[in-house]
Structure formats: structure tokens, C-alpha cells
């Protein structure tokens, strides 16, 4: 049985998780979000840093 409106976008759920080291062990920092996969695009670009290391 469908729920919600018929024109509602399909939303997916995701989360970013970061484990921080502290005195007693790792503590998770979690950011939960939802997104519409039809409106997301990904552009990959190559970034090159030019320069020389000087060994003094």
C-alpha cells in the first residue's frame, strides 16, 4: 500500500559517521540526513598541486 502523495519524490536516507578517539574509547559523531537521488549529481575533478619540496 503506497503512502504519502503520489507526486512526492523518493527520498533515501544516509549518514556521515566519524569516530573520535577519547580517553575511554571511540565516540561516534553521527549526522543523519535524507536526500532525493534524482536531484543529486556528482562531478569529479582532478586537482594537482605543483611545487617543489626544499630539503634544507
PDB file of N, CA and C in Angstrom:
ATOM      1  N   UNK A   1       0.844  -1.179   0.000  1.00  0.00           N
ATOM      2  CA  UNK A   1       0.000   0.000   0.000  1.00  0.00           C
ATOM      3  C   UNK A   1       0.888   1.240   0.000  1.00  0.00           C
ATOM      4  N   UNK A   2       0.809   2.087  -1.020  1.00  0.00           N
ATOM      5  CA  UNK A   2       1.636   3.292  -1.066  1.00  0.00           C
ATOM      6  C   UNK A   2       1.227   4.294   0.006  1.00  0.00           C
ATOM      7  N   UNK A   3       2.214   5.000   0.488  1.00  0.00           N
ATOM      8  CA  UNK A   3       1.946   6.028   1.481  1.00  0.00           C
ATOM      9  C   UNK A   3       2.394   7.365   0.945  1.00  0.00           C
ATOM     10  N   UNK A   4       1.849   8.446   1.458  1.00  0.00           N
ATOM     11  CA  UNK A   4       2.252   9.775   1.031  1.00  0.00           C
ATOM     12  C   UNK A   4       1.549  10.176  -0.243  1.00  0.00           C
ATOM     13  N   UNK A   5       1.962  11.291  -0.789  1.00  0.00           N
ATOM     14  CA  UNK A   5       1.381  11.820  -2.011  1.00  0.00           C
ATOM     15  C   UNK A   5       2.019  11.152  -3.224  1.00  0.00           C
ATOM     16  N   UNK A   6       1.262  11.041  -4.296  1.00  0.00           N
ATOM     17  CA  UNK A   6       1.779  10.376  -5.492  1.00  0.00           C
ATOM     18  C   UNK A   6       2.877  11.192  -6.172  1.00  0.00           C
ATOM     19  N   UNK A   7       2.916  12.514  -5.942  1.00  0.00           N
ATOM     20  CA  UNK A   7       3.929  13.361  -6.572  1.00  0.00           C
ATOM     21  C   UNK A   7       5.134  13.590  -5.669  1.00  0.00           C
ATOM     22  N   UNK A   8       5.175  12.942  -4.523  1.00  0.00           N
ATOM     23  CA  UNK A   8       6.302  13.102  -3.606  1.00  0.00           C
ATOM     24  C   UNK A   8       7.551  12.455  -4.189  1.00  0.00           C
ATOM     25  N   UNK A   9       8.713  13.107  -4.045  1.00  0.00           N
ATOM     26  CA  UNK A   9       9.946  12.487  -4.546  1.00  0.00           C
ATOM     27  C   UNK A   9      10.351  11.306  -3.662  1.00  0.00           C
ATOM     28  N   UNK A  10      11.035  10.353  -4.260  1.00  0.00           N
ATOM     29  CA  UNK A  10      11.539   9.219  -3.495  1.00  0.00           C
ATOM     30  C   UNK A  10      12.770   9.687  -2.719  1.00  0.00           C
ATOM     31  N   UNK A  11      12.724   9.585  -1.408  1.00  0.00           N
ATOM     32  CA  UNK A  11      13.832  10.023  -0.572  1.00  0.00           C
ATOM     33  C   UNK A  11      14.567   8.817  -0.009  1.00  0.00           C
ATOM     34  N   UNK A  12      15.877   8.898  -0.005  1.00  0.00           N
ATOM     35  CA  UNK A  12      16.710   7.869   0.601  1.00  0.00           C
ATOM     36  C   UNK A  12      17.352   8.443   1.854  1.00  0.00           C
ATOM     37  N   UNK A  13      17.767   7.573   2.742  1.00  0.00           N
ATOM     38  CA  UNK A  13      18.393   8.008   3.985  1.00  0.00           C
ATOM     39  C   UNK A  13      19.873   7.656   3.972  1.00  0.00           C
ATOM     40  N   UNK A  14      20.652   8.492   4.639  1.00  0.00           N
ATOM     41  CA  UNK A  14      22.085   8.248   4.739  1.00  0.00           C
ATOM     42  C   UNK A  14      22.614   8.834   6.032  1.00  0.00           C
ATOM     43  N   UNK A  15      23.888   8.623   6.289  1.00  0.00           N
ATOM     44  CA  UNK A  15      24.509   9.158   7.498  1.00  0.00           C
ATOM     45  C   UNK A  15      26.006   9.296   7.295  1.00  0.00           C
ATOM     46  N   UNK A  16      26.568  10.346   7.891  1.00  0.00           N
ATOM     47  CA  UNK A  16      28.011  10.508   7.998  1.00  0.00           C
ATOM     48  C   UNK A  16      28.382  10.100   9.421  1.00  0.00           C
ATOM     49  N   UNK A  17      29.396   9.259   9.557  1.00  0.00           N
ATOM     50  CA  UNK A  17      29.818   8.788  10.875  1.00  0.00           C
ATOM     51  C   UNK A  17      31.307   9.055  11.033  1.00  0.00           C
ATOM     52  N   UNK A  18      31.677   9.705  12.128  1.00  0.00           N
ATOM     53  CA  UNK A  18      33.080   9.961  12.448  1.00  0.00           C
ATOM     54  C   UNK A  18      33.340   9.420  13.846  1.00  0.00           C
ATOM     55  N   UNK A  19      34.378   8.616  13.973  1.00  0.00           N
ATOM     56  CA  UNK A  19      34.751   8.095  15.284  1.00  0.00           C
ATOM     57  C   UNK A  19      35.918   8.911  15.827  1.00  0.00           C
ATOM     58  N   UNK A  20      35.719   9.513  16.981  1.00  0.00           N
ATOM     59  CA  UNK A  20      36.756  10.328  17.614  1.00  0.00           C
ATOM     60  C   UNK A  20      37.369   9.555  18.768  1.00  0.00           C
ATOM     61  N   UNK A  21      38.685   9.544  18.822  1.00  0.00           N
ATOM     62  CA  UNK A  21      39.371   8.876  19.927  1.00  0.00           C
ATOM     63  C   UNK A  21      39.333   9.772  21.160  1.00  0.00           C
ATOM     64  N   UNK A  22      38.932   9.208  22.249  1.00  0.00           N
ATOM     65  CA  UNK A  22      38.946   9.897  23.537  1.00  0.00           C
ATOM     66  C   UNK A  22      39.556   8.957  24.569  1.00  0.00           C
ATOM     67  N   UNK A  23      39.527   9.348  25.792  1.00  0.00           N
ATOM     68  CA  UNK A  23      40.195   8.605  26.861  1.00  0.00           C
ATOM     69  C   UNK A  23      39.724   7.153  26.982  1.00  0.00           C
ATOM     70  N   UNK A  24      38.422   6.907  26.940  1.00  0.00           N
ATOM     71  CA  UNK A  24      37.901   5.564  27.183  1.00  0.00           C
ATOM     72  C   UNK A  24      37.602   4.766  25.911  1.00  0.00           C
ATOM     73  N   UNK A  25      37.758   5.342  24.744  1.00  0.00           N
ATOM     74  CA  UNK A  25      37.483   4.635  23.501  1.00  0.00           C
ATOM     75  C   UNK A  25      36.836   5.549  22.485  1.00  0.00           C
ATOM     76  N   UNK A  26      36.552   5.001  21.312  1.00  0.00           N
ATOM     77  CA  UNK A  26      35.985   5.842  20.252  1.00  0.00           C
ATOM     78  C   UNK A  26      34.559   6.290  20.574  1.00  0.00           C
ATOM     79  N   UNK A  27      34.270   7.552  20.280  1.00  0.00           N
ATOM     80  CA  UNK A  27      32.936   8.115  20.467  1.00  0.00           C
ATOM     81  C   UNK A  27      32.403   8.495  19.088  1.00  0.00           C
ATOM     82  N   UNK A  28      31.237   7.962  18.697  1.00  0.00           N
ATOM     83  CA  UNK A  28      30.725   8.285  17.358  1.00  0.00           C
ATOM     84  C   UNK A  28      30.075   9.663  17.305  1.00  0.00           C
ATOM     85  N   UNK A  29      30.335  10.379  16.237  1.00  0.00           N
ATOM     86  CA  UNK A  29      29.653  11.623  15.919  1.00  0.00           C
ATOM     87  C   UNK A  29      28.867  11.332  14.648  1.00  0.00           C
ATOM     88  N   UNK A  30      27.529  11.341  14.723  1.00  0.00           N
ATOM     89  CA  UNK A  30      26.688  10.879  13.626  1.00  0.00           C
ATOM     90  C   UNK A  30      25.797  12.015  13.133  1.00  0.00           C
ATOM     91  N   UNK A  31      25.784  12.227  11.811  1.00  0.00           N
ATOM     92  CA  UNK A  31      24.887  13.182  11.180  1.00  0.00           C
ATOM     93  C   UNK A  31      23.983  12.391  10.234  1.00  0.00           C
ATOM     94  N   UNK A  32      22.687  12.349  10.540  1.00  0.00           N
ATOM     95  CA  UNK A  32      21.719  11.606   9.739  1.00  0.00           C
ATOM     96  C   UNK A  32      21.032  12.586   8.787  1.00  0.00           C
ATOM     97  N   UNK A  33      20.795  12.154   7.536  1.00  0.00           N
ATOM     98  CA  UNK A  33      20.155  13.017   6.557  1.00  0.00           C
ATOM     99  C   UNK A  33      19.327  12.186   5.601  1.00  0.00           C
ATOM    100  N   UNK A  34      18.462  12.861   4.860  1.00  0.00           N
ATOM    101  CA  UNK A  34      17.746  12.213   3.762  1.00  0.00           C
ATOM    102  C   UNK A  34      17.936  13.055   2.513  1.00  0.00           C
ATOM    103  N   UNK A  35      17.881  12.396   1.350  1.00  0.00           N
ATOM    104  CA  UNK A  35      18.137  13.093   0.102  1.00  0.00           C
ATOM    105  C   UNK A  35      17.311  12.489  -1.021  1.00  0.00           C
ATOM    106  N   UNK A  36      17.143  13.274  -2.069  1.00  0.00           N
ATOM    107  CA  UNK A  36      16.441  12.832  -3.265  1.00  0.00           C
ATOM    108  C   UNK A  36      17.499  12.463  -4.303  1.00  0.00           C
ATOM    109  N   UNK A  37      17.664  11.180  -4.637  1.00  0.00           N
ATOM    110  CA  UNK A  37      18.721  10.766  -5.565  1.00  0.00           C
ATOM    111  C   UNK A  37      18.521  11.296  -6.988  1.00  0.00           C
ATOM    112  N   UNK A  38      17.309  11.720  -7.352  1.00  0.00           N
ATOM    113  CA  UNK A  38      17.058  12.243  -8.694  1.00  0.00           C
ATOM    114  C   UNK A  38      17.623  13.651  -8.870  1.00  0.00           C
ATOM    115  N   UNK A  39      17.882  14.356  -7.783  1.00  0.00           N
ATOM    116  CA  UNK A  39      18.379  15.732  -7.881  1.00  0.00           C
ATOM    117  C   UNK A  39      19.855  15.861  -7.552  1.00  0.00           C
ATOM    118  N   UNK A  40      20.535  14.766  -7.274  1.00  0.00           N
ATOM    119  CA  UNK A  40      21.957  14.820  -6.925  1.00  0.00           C
ATOM    120  C   UNK A  40      22.785  14.516  -8.164  1.00  0.00           C
ATOM    121  N   UNK A  41      23.854  15.291  -8.344  1.00  0.00           N
ATOM    122  CA  UNK A  41      24.803  14.980  -9.398  1.00  0.00           C
ATOM    123  C   UNK A  41      26.202  15.033  -8.803  1.00  0.00           C
ATOM    124  N   UNK A  42      27.114  14.359  -9.461  1.00  0.00           N
ATOM    125  CA  UNK A  42      28.475  14.274  -8.954  1.00  0.00           C
ATOM    126  C   UNK A  42      29.438  14.648 -10.066  1.00  0.00           C
ATOM    127  N   UNK A  43      30.323  15.582  -9.785  1.00  0.00           N
ATOM    128  CA  UNK A  43      31.354  15.971 -10.729  1.00  0.00           C
ATOM    129  C   UNK A  43      32.712  15.658 -10.118  1.00  0.00           C
ATOM    130  N   UNK A  44      33.486  14.859 -10.824  1.00  0.00           N
ATOM    131  CA  UNK A  44      34.816  14.517 -10.347  1.00  0.00           C
ATOM    132  C   UNK A  44      35.837  15.374 -11.091  1.00  0.00           C
ATOM    133  N   UNK A  45      36.709  16.025 -10.348  1.00  0.00           N
ATOM    134  CA  UNK A  45      37.767  16.821 -10.957  1.00  0.00           C
ATOM    135  C   UNK A  45      39.092  16.437 -10.336  1.00  0.00           C
ATOM    136  N   UNK A  46      40.109  16.492 -11.129  1.00  0.00           N
ATOM    137  CA  UNK A  46      41.446  16.173 -10.675  1.00  0.00           C
ATOM    138  C   UNK A  46      42.141  17.476 -10.289  1.00  0.00           C
ATOM    139  N   UNK A  47      42.667  17.505  -9.083  1.00  0.00           N
ATOM    140  CA  UNK A  47      43.357  18.692  -8.605  1.00  0.00           C
ATOM    141  C   UNK A  47      44.816  18.330  -8.357  1.00  0.00           C
ATOM    142  N   UNK A  48      45.716  18.997  -9.051  1.00  0.00           N
ATOM    143  CA  UNK A  48      47.153  18.732  -8.922  1.00  0.00           C
ATOM    144  C   UNK A  48      47.803  19.968  -8.336  1.00  0.00           C
ATOM    145  N   UNK A  49      48.566  19.774  -7.275  1.00  0.00           N
ATOM    146  CA  UNK A  49      49.307  20.870  -6.663  1.00  0.00           C
ATOM    147  C   UNK A  49      50.732  20.766  -7.140  1.00  0.00           C
ATOM    148  N   UNK A  50      51.214  21.812  -7.805  1.00  0.00           N
ATOM    149  CA  UNK A  50      52.579  21.784  -8.297  1.00  0.00           C
ATOM    150  C   UNK A  50      53.468  22.586  -7.348  1.00  0.00           C
ATOM    151  N   UNK A  51      54.676  22.148  -7.241  1.00  0.00           N
ATOM    152  CA  UNK A  51      55.636  22.822  -6.374  1.00  0.00           C
ATOM    153  C   UNK A  51      56.744  21.872  -5.996  1.00  0.00           C
ATOM    154  N   UNK A  52      57.797  22.398  -5.436  1.00  0.00           N
ATOM    155  CA  UNK A  52      58.926  21.567  -5.041  1.00  0.00           C
ATOM    156  C   UNK A  52      59.096  21.621  -3.537  1.00  0.00           C
ATOM    157  N   UNK A  53      59.518  20.506  -3.005  1.00  0.00           N
ATOM    158  CA  UNK A  53      59.893  20.472  -1.588  1.00  0.00           C
ATOM    159  C   UNK A  53      61.363  20.835  -1.493  1.00  0.00           C
ATOM    160  N   UNK A  54      61.680  21.656  -0.549  1.00  0.00           N
ATOM    161  CA  UNK A  54      63.092  22.021  -0.367  1.00  0.00           C
ATOM    162  C   UNK A  54      63.625  21.298   0.860  1.00  0.00           C
ATOM    163  N   UNK A  55      64.672  20.586   0.669  1.00  0.00           N
ATOM    164  CA  UNK A  55      65.290  19.885   1.786  1.00  0.00           C
ATOM    165  C   UNK A  55      66.471  20.652   2.316  1.00  0.00           C
ATOM    166  N   UNK A  56      66.259  21.418   3.337  1.00  0.00           N
ATOM    167  CA  UNK A  56      67.348  22.223   3.891  1.00  0.00           C
ATOM    168  C   UNK A  56      67.829  21.638   5.174  1.00  0.00           C
TER     169      UNK A  56
END
